[in-house]
N, C-alpha and C. Protein backbone atom coordinates (compact mmCIF):
# COMPACT_ATOMS: atom_id res chain seq x y z
N UNK A 1 20.65 4.18 -24.97
CA UNK A 1 21.29 5.04 -25.93
C UNK A 1 20.29 6.09 -26.41
N UNK A 2 20.73 7.33 -26.48
CA UNK A 2 19.89 8.42 -26.99
C UNK A 2 20.22 8.66 -28.45
N UNK A 3 19.19 9.05 -29.19
CA UNK A 3 19.40 9.46 -30.58
C UNK A 3 18.18 10.23 -31.05
N UNK A 4 18.35 10.94 -32.14
CA UNK A 4 17.22 11.64 -32.78
C UNK A 4 16.39 10.59 -33.53
N UNK A 5 15.09 10.74 -33.49
CA UNK A 5 14.22 9.76 -34.15
C UNK A 5 14.39 9.81 -35.66
N UNK A 6 13.97 8.74 -36.30
CA UNK A 6 13.97 8.64 -37.76
C UNK A 6 12.57 8.21 -38.19
N UNK A 7 12.34 8.22 -39.48
CA UNK A 7 11.06 7.76 -40.02
C UNK A 7 10.77 6.33 -39.61
N UNK A 8 11.81 5.51 -39.49
CA UNK A 8 11.64 4.10 -39.13
C UNK A 8 11.10 3.91 -37.71
N UNK A 9 11.16 4.96 -36.89
CA UNK A 9 10.68 4.87 -35.50
C UNK A 9 9.18 5.15 -35.35
N UNK A 10 8.51 5.48 -36.44
CA UNK A 10 7.12 5.94 -36.37
C UNK A 10 6.23 4.98 -35.59
N UNK A 11 6.24 3.71 -35.92
CA UNK A 11 5.34 2.74 -35.26
C UNK A 11 5.67 2.62 -33.77
N UNK A 12 6.94 2.61 -33.42
CA UNK A 12 7.33 2.50 -32.01
C UNK A 12 6.89 3.73 -31.22
N UNK A 13 7.07 4.91 -31.80
CA UNK A 13 6.64 6.14 -31.14
C UNK A 13 5.11 6.15 -31.02
N UNK A 14 4.43 5.73 -32.06
CA UNK A 14 2.97 5.60 -32.03
C UNK A 14 2.53 4.71 -30.87
N UNK A 15 3.15 3.55 -30.74
CA UNK A 15 2.78 2.62 -29.67
C UNK A 15 2.99 3.25 -28.29
N UNK A 16 4.10 3.95 -28.10
CA UNK A 16 4.37 4.60 -26.82
C UNK A 16 3.33 5.68 -26.51
N UNK A 17 2.99 6.48 -27.51
CA UNK A 17 2.04 7.57 -27.28
C UNK A 17 0.63 7.03 -27.06
N UNK A 18 0.25 6.00 -27.79
CA UNK A 18 -1.07 5.38 -27.55
C UNK A 18 -1.15 4.82 -26.14
N UNK A 19 -0.07 4.20 -25.67
CA UNK A 19 -0.05 3.70 -24.30
C UNK A 19 -0.17 4.85 -23.31
N UNK A 20 0.55 5.93 -23.54
CA UNK A 20 0.51 7.09 -22.66
C UNK A 20 -0.91 7.68 -22.61
N UNK A 21 -1.56 7.75 -23.75
CA UNK A 21 -2.89 8.35 -23.84
C UNK A 21 -4.02 7.36 -23.53
N UNK A 22 -3.68 6.09 -23.33
CA UNK A 22 -4.67 5.04 -23.06
C UNK A 22 -5.74 4.98 -24.15
N UNK A 23 -5.30 5.09 -25.39
CA UNK A 23 -6.23 5.04 -26.52
C UNK A 23 -5.48 4.64 -27.78
N UNK A 24 -6.24 4.21 -28.77
CA UNK A 24 -5.65 3.91 -30.08
C UNK A 24 -5.93 5.10 -30.99
N UNK A 25 -4.90 5.85 -31.29
CA UNK A 25 -5.03 6.99 -32.20
C UNK A 25 -5.09 6.47 -33.63
N UNK A 26 -5.67 7.24 -34.56
CA UNK A 26 -5.69 6.81 -35.96
C UNK A 26 -4.26 6.82 -36.52
N UNK A 27 -3.74 5.64 -36.86
CA UNK A 27 -2.34 5.52 -37.25
C UNK A 27 -2.00 6.32 -38.50
N UNK A 28 -2.86 6.31 -39.50
CA UNK A 28 -2.55 7.02 -40.74
C UNK A 28 -2.33 8.50 -40.49
N UNK A 29 -3.20 9.10 -39.70
CA UNK A 29 -3.08 10.54 -39.38
C UNK A 29 -1.83 10.78 -38.53
N UNK A 30 -1.62 9.92 -37.53
CA UNK A 30 -0.43 10.01 -36.69
C UNK A 30 0.84 9.97 -37.55
N UNK A 31 0.92 8.98 -38.43
CA UNK A 31 2.10 8.79 -39.27
C UNK A 31 2.33 10.00 -40.17
N UNK A 32 1.27 10.57 -40.71
CA UNK A 32 1.42 11.75 -41.58
C UNK A 32 2.01 12.92 -40.78
N UNK A 33 1.52 13.14 -39.57
CA UNK A 33 2.02 14.22 -38.72
C UNK A 33 3.48 13.94 -38.33
N UNK A 34 3.74 12.71 -37.94
CA UNK A 34 5.09 12.31 -37.54
C UNK A 34 6.09 12.57 -38.68
N UNK A 35 5.73 12.15 -39.88
CA UNK A 35 6.64 12.32 -41.02
C UNK A 35 6.86 13.80 -41.36
N UNK A 36 5.83 14.62 -41.22
CA UNK A 36 6.00 16.06 -41.43
C UNK A 36 6.95 16.65 -40.39
N UNK A 37 6.79 16.22 -39.13
CA UNK A 37 7.66 16.73 -38.08
C UNK A 37 9.11 16.30 -38.30
N UNK A 38 9.32 15.13 -38.89
CA UNK A 38 10.67 14.66 -39.17
C UNK A 38 11.41 15.63 -40.10
N UNK A 39 10.67 16.30 -40.98
CA UNK A 39 11.27 17.23 -41.95
C UNK A 39 11.36 18.66 -41.43
N UNK A 40 10.77 18.93 -40.27
CA UNK A 40 10.64 20.28 -39.76
C UNK A 40 11.66 20.53 -38.64
N UNK A 41 12.54 21.50 -38.83
CA UNK A 41 13.58 21.77 -37.83
C UNK A 41 13.03 22.35 -36.53
N UNK A 42 11.75 22.67 -36.49
CA UNK A 42 11.12 23.15 -35.26
C UNK A 42 10.75 22.01 -34.33
N UNK A 43 10.99 20.76 -34.76
CA UNK A 43 10.69 19.59 -33.94
C UNK A 43 11.94 18.73 -33.79
N UNK A 44 12.04 18.10 -32.64
CA UNK A 44 13.13 17.16 -32.38
C UNK A 44 12.56 16.06 -31.51
N UNK A 45 12.48 14.87 -32.05
CA UNK A 45 11.98 13.73 -31.28
C UNK A 45 13.17 12.92 -30.79
N UNK A 46 13.37 12.94 -29.48
CA UNK A 46 14.46 12.22 -28.84
C UNK A 46 14.00 10.79 -28.54
N UNK A 47 14.82 9.84 -28.89
CA UNK A 47 14.52 8.42 -28.67
C UNK A 47 15.50 7.87 -27.65
N UNK A 48 14.99 7.03 -26.76
CA UNK A 48 15.84 6.22 -25.90
C UNK A 48 15.67 4.78 -26.37
N UNK A 49 16.79 4.16 -26.67
CA UNK A 49 16.76 2.81 -27.22
C UNK A 49 17.60 1.90 -26.32
N UNK A 50 17.07 0.72 -26.04
CA UNK A 50 17.80 -0.30 -25.28
C UNK A 50 17.66 -1.63 -26.01
N UNK A 51 18.78 -2.28 -26.23
CA UNK A 51 18.79 -3.58 -26.92
C UNK A 51 18.04 -3.54 -28.25
N UNK A 52 18.22 -2.44 -28.99
CA UNK A 52 17.60 -2.31 -30.30
C UNK A 52 16.11 -2.01 -30.28
N UNK A 53 15.56 -1.73 -29.09
CA UNK A 53 14.12 -1.46 -28.96
C UNK A 53 13.90 -0.03 -28.48
N UNK A 54 12.97 0.67 -29.11
CA UNK A 54 12.62 2.02 -28.67
C UNK A 54 11.83 1.90 -27.38
N UNK A 55 12.39 2.45 -26.30
CA UNK A 55 11.78 2.35 -24.96
C UNK A 55 11.26 3.69 -24.46
N UNK A 56 11.62 4.77 -25.14
CA UNK A 56 11.18 6.09 -24.72
C UNK A 56 11.22 7.06 -25.88
N UNK A 57 10.30 8.03 -25.83
CA UNK A 57 10.26 9.09 -26.84
C UNK A 57 9.89 10.39 -26.16
N UNK A 58 10.62 11.44 -26.49
CA UNK A 58 10.34 12.77 -25.97
C UNK A 58 10.36 13.72 -27.16
N UNK A 59 9.20 14.27 -27.48
CA UNK A 59 9.06 15.11 -28.67
C UNK A 59 9.08 16.58 -28.26
N UNK A 60 10.05 17.31 -28.78
CA UNK A 60 10.21 18.74 -28.49
C UNK A 60 9.75 19.58 -29.67
N UNK A 61 9.21 20.74 -29.36
CA UNK A 61 8.92 21.76 -30.38
C UNK A 61 9.64 23.03 -29.96
N UNK A 62 10.31 23.66 -30.92
CA UNK A 62 11.02 24.92 -30.68
C UNK A 62 10.26 26.04 -31.36
N UNK A 63 10.09 27.16 -30.66
CA UNK A 63 9.41 28.29 -31.28
C UNK A 63 9.78 29.60 -30.60
N UNK A 64 9.68 30.65 -31.40
CA UNK A 64 9.84 32.00 -30.88
C UNK A 64 8.51 32.39 -30.25
N UNK A 65 8.53 32.86 -29.02
CA UNK A 65 7.30 33.27 -28.35
C UNK A 65 7.37 34.75 -28.01
N UNK A 66 6.34 35.46 -28.43
CA UNK A 66 6.31 36.91 -28.21
C UNK A 66 6.34 37.25 -26.73
N UNK A 67 5.58 36.50 -25.91
CA UNK A 67 5.50 36.86 -24.49
C UNK A 67 6.79 36.54 -23.72
N UNK A 68 7.74 35.86 -24.37
CA UNK A 68 9.07 35.68 -23.79
C UNK A 68 10.12 36.49 -24.55
N UNK A 69 9.77 36.90 -25.76
CA UNK A 69 10.73 37.55 -26.67
C UNK A 69 11.99 36.70 -26.76
N UNK A 70 11.74 35.39 -26.91
CA UNK A 70 12.85 34.44 -26.92
C UNK A 70 12.43 33.12 -27.55
N UNK A 71 13.42 32.27 -27.77
CA UNK A 71 13.22 30.93 -28.32
C UNK A 71 12.94 29.98 -27.16
N UNK A 72 11.84 29.24 -27.23
CA UNK A 72 11.37 28.37 -26.15
C UNK A 72 11.25 26.94 -26.69
N UNK A 73 11.53 25.96 -25.84
CA UNK A 73 11.30 24.55 -26.17
C UNK A 73 10.10 24.07 -25.35
N UNK A 74 9.25 23.30 -26.00
CA UNK A 74 8.11 22.72 -25.29
C UNK A 74 8.08 21.22 -25.52
N UNK A 75 7.92 20.47 -24.45
CA UNK A 75 7.73 19.03 -24.57
C UNK A 75 6.29 18.81 -25.01
N UNK A 76 6.14 18.22 -26.18
CA UNK A 76 4.81 17.96 -26.71
C UNK A 76 4.30 16.58 -26.29
N UNK A 77 5.18 15.59 -26.32
CA UNK A 77 4.86 14.24 -25.88
C UNK A 77 6.10 13.67 -25.21
N UNK A 78 5.87 12.88 -24.17
CA UNK A 78 6.98 12.25 -23.44
C UNK A 78 6.45 10.94 -22.88
N UNK A 79 6.97 9.84 -23.38
CA UNK A 79 6.49 8.54 -22.92
C UNK A 79 7.65 7.56 -22.79
N UNK A 80 7.59 6.76 -21.74
CA UNK A 80 8.54 5.67 -21.51
C UNK A 80 7.71 4.40 -21.43
N UNK A 81 8.19 3.34 -22.07
CA UNK A 81 7.47 2.06 -22.10
C UNK A 81 7.27 1.55 -20.67
N UNK A 82 6.11 0.95 -20.40
CA UNK A 82 5.79 0.48 -19.04
C UNK A 82 6.89 -0.35 -18.38
N UNK A 83 7.49 -1.28 -19.07
CA UNK A 83 8.52 -2.12 -18.47
C UNK A 83 9.83 -1.42 -18.19
N UNK A 84 9.96 -0.16 -18.61
CA UNK A 84 11.21 0.58 -18.44
C UNK A 84 11.06 1.78 -17.50
N UNK A 85 9.89 1.94 -16.91
CA UNK A 85 9.66 3.06 -15.99
C UNK A 85 10.33 2.79 -14.65
N UNK A 86 10.56 3.86 -13.91
CA UNK A 86 11.18 3.81 -12.57
C UNK A 86 12.61 3.25 -12.62
N UNK A 87 13.29 3.48 -13.72
CA UNK A 87 14.69 3.06 -13.87
C UNK A 87 15.61 4.25 -14.12
N UNK A 88 15.07 5.46 -14.04
CA UNK A 88 15.88 6.65 -14.29
C UNK A 88 15.94 7.05 -15.75
N UNK A 89 15.22 6.34 -16.61
CA UNK A 89 15.24 6.65 -18.04
C UNK A 89 14.58 8.00 -18.31
N UNK A 90 13.44 8.26 -17.68
CA UNK A 90 12.75 9.54 -17.86
C UNK A 90 13.62 10.70 -17.41
N UNK A 91 14.27 10.54 -16.28
CA UNK A 91 15.17 11.59 -15.77
C UNK A 91 16.31 11.85 -16.76
N UNK A 92 16.90 10.77 -17.27
CA UNK A 92 17.99 10.91 -18.23
C UNK A 92 17.50 11.53 -19.53
N UNK A 93 16.31 11.15 -19.97
CA UNK A 93 15.75 11.72 -21.21
C UNK A 93 15.47 13.21 -21.05
N UNK A 94 14.93 13.59 -19.89
CA UNK A 94 14.66 15.01 -19.66
C UNK A 94 15.96 15.80 -19.65
N UNK A 95 16.99 15.27 -19.02
CA UNK A 95 18.30 15.95 -19.01
C UNK A 95 18.84 16.10 -20.43
N UNK A 96 18.70 15.06 -21.23
CA UNK A 96 19.17 15.13 -22.63
C UNK A 96 18.33 16.14 -23.42
N UNK A 97 17.02 16.18 -23.18
CA UNK A 97 16.14 17.14 -23.86
C UNK A 97 16.53 18.58 -23.51
N UNK A 98 16.90 18.81 -22.26
CA UNK A 98 17.35 20.14 -21.84
C UNK A 98 18.62 20.52 -22.60
N UNK A 99 19.52 19.57 -22.73
CA UNK A 99 20.76 19.79 -23.50
C UNK A 99 20.44 20.12 -24.96
N UNK A 100 19.53 19.37 -25.56
CA UNK A 100 19.13 19.61 -26.96
C UNK A 100 18.51 21.01 -27.09
N UNK A 101 17.63 21.36 -26.15
CA UNK A 101 16.96 22.67 -26.19
C UNK A 101 18.00 23.80 -26.10
N UNK A 102 18.95 23.64 -25.23
CA UNK A 102 19.99 24.66 -25.10
C UNK A 102 20.79 24.80 -26.39
N UNK A 103 21.11 23.69 -27.04
CA UNK A 103 21.88 23.77 -28.29
C UNK A 103 21.06 24.41 -29.40
N UNK A 104 19.73 24.41 -29.26
CA UNK A 104 18.86 25.09 -30.23
C UNK A 104 18.58 26.54 -29.82
N UNK A 105 19.29 27.04 -28.81
CA UNK A 105 19.18 28.43 -28.42
C UNK A 105 17.98 28.76 -27.55
N UNK A 106 17.37 27.75 -26.96
CA UNK A 106 16.18 27.98 -26.13
C UNK A 106 16.58 28.47 -24.74
N UNK A 107 15.75 29.37 -24.20
CA UNK A 107 16.00 29.92 -22.88
C UNK A 107 15.09 29.31 -21.82
N UNK A 108 14.13 28.51 -22.25
CA UNK A 108 13.20 27.90 -21.30
C UNK A 108 12.64 26.62 -21.90
N UNK A 109 12.32 25.67 -21.02
CA UNK A 109 11.65 24.43 -21.40
C UNK A 109 10.30 24.40 -20.70
N UNK A 110 9.25 24.13 -21.48
CA UNK A 110 7.90 24.10 -20.93
C UNK A 110 7.25 22.76 -21.26
N UNK A 111 6.24 22.41 -20.49
CA UNK A 111 5.45 21.20 -20.75
C UNK A 111 4.05 21.42 -20.20
N UNK A 112 3.05 20.98 -20.94
CA UNK A 112 1.67 20.94 -20.45
C UNK A 112 1.37 19.48 -20.15
N UNK A 113 0.71 19.24 -19.04
CA UNK A 113 0.49 17.87 -18.59
C UNK A 113 -0.94 17.74 -18.05
N UNK A 114 -1.63 16.71 -18.48
CA UNK A 114 -3.00 16.48 -18.02
C UNK A 114 -3.06 16.48 -16.49
N UNK A 115 -4.05 17.13 -15.93
CA UNK A 115 -4.18 17.23 -14.49
C UNK A 115 -4.37 15.87 -13.82
N UNK A 116 -4.77 14.86 -14.57
CA UNK A 116 -4.97 13.53 -14.02
C UNK A 116 -3.67 12.73 -13.86
N UNK A 117 -2.59 13.22 -14.41
CA UNK A 117 -1.31 12.49 -14.37
C UNK A 117 -0.48 12.90 -13.15
N UNK A 118 -0.93 12.52 -11.99
CA UNK A 118 -0.30 12.93 -10.73
C UNK A 118 1.15 12.45 -10.61
N UNK A 119 1.43 11.23 -11.03
CA UNK A 119 2.81 10.74 -10.97
C UNK A 119 3.72 11.57 -11.87
N UNK A 120 3.21 11.95 -13.02
CA UNK A 120 3.99 12.77 -13.95
C UNK A 120 4.26 14.15 -13.37
N UNK A 121 3.27 14.71 -12.68
CA UNK A 121 3.47 16.02 -12.04
C UNK A 121 4.60 15.93 -11.02
N UNK A 122 4.56 14.88 -10.20
CA UNK A 122 5.63 14.70 -9.20
C UNK A 122 6.99 14.57 -9.88
N UNK A 123 7.04 13.84 -11.00
CA UNK A 123 8.30 13.69 -11.74
C UNK A 123 8.84 15.06 -12.15
N UNK A 124 8.00 15.88 -12.81
CA UNK A 124 8.47 17.18 -13.28
C UNK A 124 8.90 18.07 -12.11
N UNK A 125 8.15 18.04 -11.03
CA UNK A 125 8.53 18.84 -9.86
C UNK A 125 9.85 18.35 -9.26
N UNK A 126 10.02 17.04 -9.18
CA UNK A 126 11.26 16.46 -8.67
C UNK A 126 12.46 16.88 -9.52
N UNK A 127 12.20 17.09 -10.82
CA UNK A 127 13.27 17.48 -11.75
C UNK A 127 13.46 18.99 -11.83
N UNK A 128 12.80 19.73 -10.94
CA UNK A 128 13.03 21.17 -10.83
C UNK A 128 12.09 22.05 -11.63
N UNK A 129 11.07 21.46 -12.26
CA UNK A 129 10.12 22.26 -13.02
C UNK A 129 9.05 22.82 -12.07
N UNK A 130 8.45 23.92 -12.47
CA UNK A 130 7.44 24.59 -11.65
C UNK A 130 6.13 24.71 -12.43
N UNK A 131 5.03 24.65 -11.71
CA UNK A 131 3.71 24.78 -12.32
C UNK A 131 3.23 26.22 -12.14
N UNK A 132 3.55 27.06 -13.11
CA UNK A 132 3.20 28.47 -13.06
C UNK A 132 1.97 28.82 -13.90
N UNK A 133 1.47 27.87 -14.71
CA UNK A 133 0.42 28.20 -15.66
C UNK A 133 -0.78 27.26 -15.55
N UNK A 134 -1.90 27.73 -16.04
CA UNK A 134 -3.05 26.89 -16.33
C UNK A 134 -3.11 26.75 -17.85
N UNK A 135 -3.56 25.63 -18.32
CA UNK A 135 -3.78 25.45 -19.75
C UNK A 135 -5.26 25.15 -19.94
N UNK A 136 -5.92 25.89 -20.79
CA UNK A 136 -7.34 25.71 -21.06
C UNK A 136 -7.52 25.10 -22.44
N UNK A 137 -8.55 24.28 -22.60
CA UNK A 137 -8.82 23.61 -23.87
C UNK A 137 -10.28 23.80 -24.25
N UNK A 138 -10.52 23.87 -25.54
CA UNK A 138 -11.88 23.96 -26.08
C UNK A 138 -11.98 23.01 -27.27
N UNK A 139 -12.73 21.92 -27.14
CA UNK A 139 -12.89 21.02 -28.28
C UNK A 139 -13.59 21.74 -29.44
N UNK A 140 -13.10 21.54 -30.64
CA UNK A 140 -13.68 22.17 -31.82
C UNK A 140 -14.38 21.14 -32.71
N UNK A 141 -14.61 19.95 -32.17
CA UNK A 141 -15.23 18.88 -32.94
C UNK A 141 -16.67 18.59 -32.51
N UNK A 142 -17.27 19.50 -31.78
CA UNK A 142 -18.67 19.34 -31.37
C UNK A 142 -18.84 18.71 -30.01
N UNK A 143 -17.79 18.16 -29.43
CA UNK A 143 -17.90 17.60 -28.08
C UNK A 143 -18.06 18.74 -27.09
N UNK A 144 -18.88 18.52 -26.06
CA UNK A 144 -19.09 19.58 -25.09
C UNK A 144 -18.82 19.11 -23.67
N UNK A 145 -18.29 17.91 -23.50
CA UNK A 145 -18.04 17.38 -22.16
C UNK A 145 -16.94 18.17 -21.47
N UNK A 146 -17.21 18.55 -20.25
CA UNK A 146 -16.19 19.25 -19.45
C UNK A 146 -15.38 18.24 -18.64
N UNK A 147 -15.65 16.97 -18.82
CA UNK A 147 -14.95 15.92 -18.08
C UNK A 147 -13.52 15.78 -18.59
N UNK A 148 -12.58 15.73 -17.67
CA UNK A 148 -11.18 15.53 -18.00
C UNK A 148 -10.89 14.05 -17.79
N UNK A 149 -10.57 13.36 -18.88
CA UNK A 149 -10.25 11.94 -18.75
C UNK A 149 -9.21 11.57 -19.78
N UNK A 150 -8.51 10.51 -19.46
CA UNK A 150 -7.52 9.97 -20.39
C UNK A 150 -8.21 8.95 -21.28
N UNK A 151 -7.65 8.67 -22.41
CA UNK A 151 -8.19 7.65 -23.30
C UNK A 151 -9.33 8.12 -24.16
N UNK A 152 -9.35 9.39 -24.47
CA UNK A 152 -10.40 9.92 -25.35
C UNK A 152 -10.23 9.41 -26.74
C-alpha cells in the first residue's frame, strides 16, 4: 500500500536510509530534518507499507529551476528494505512517485545516485531514466578525501 509519510514514520524511514547508506546517521539531526520536511509542501515522502510495516521510502523534493524554467521533482532518497527487494516494489514506488510529481506540476523527475551503486543505476536505466549529468561534491567539514565510498 502506498501513502504519504507521517511523523510516526520517522524511525522506520531512518532505518531504511541508514541501511541504504551503510551507516548510522545521527538520529536527532535526522528526525529534526524529517519533521521540518513533513511541514514543507516542497517535500513528499512516499511510503510503501506491507502488513503494517514500512518497507520502502521515496523522498521527493519539488522546486522551480531556472535552467529548466519549470517545476522539477528530484528523488532525494529512495530505499527498499532488504527483504523486500527484487519484488517489483521499487518499480511500483517509482511509478507512483512519477504520478505524484505530475500532480505537483513537475515536468521532469531527476535523481543523483552514488557512482558505486551499480545495481541502482541499472534499475533507473531499466525504468527509462537517462544519465545526462555529472554531480560534483565538495565536503565543507574539513575532510579532503577524494575517495568515493558508502558508509561515511
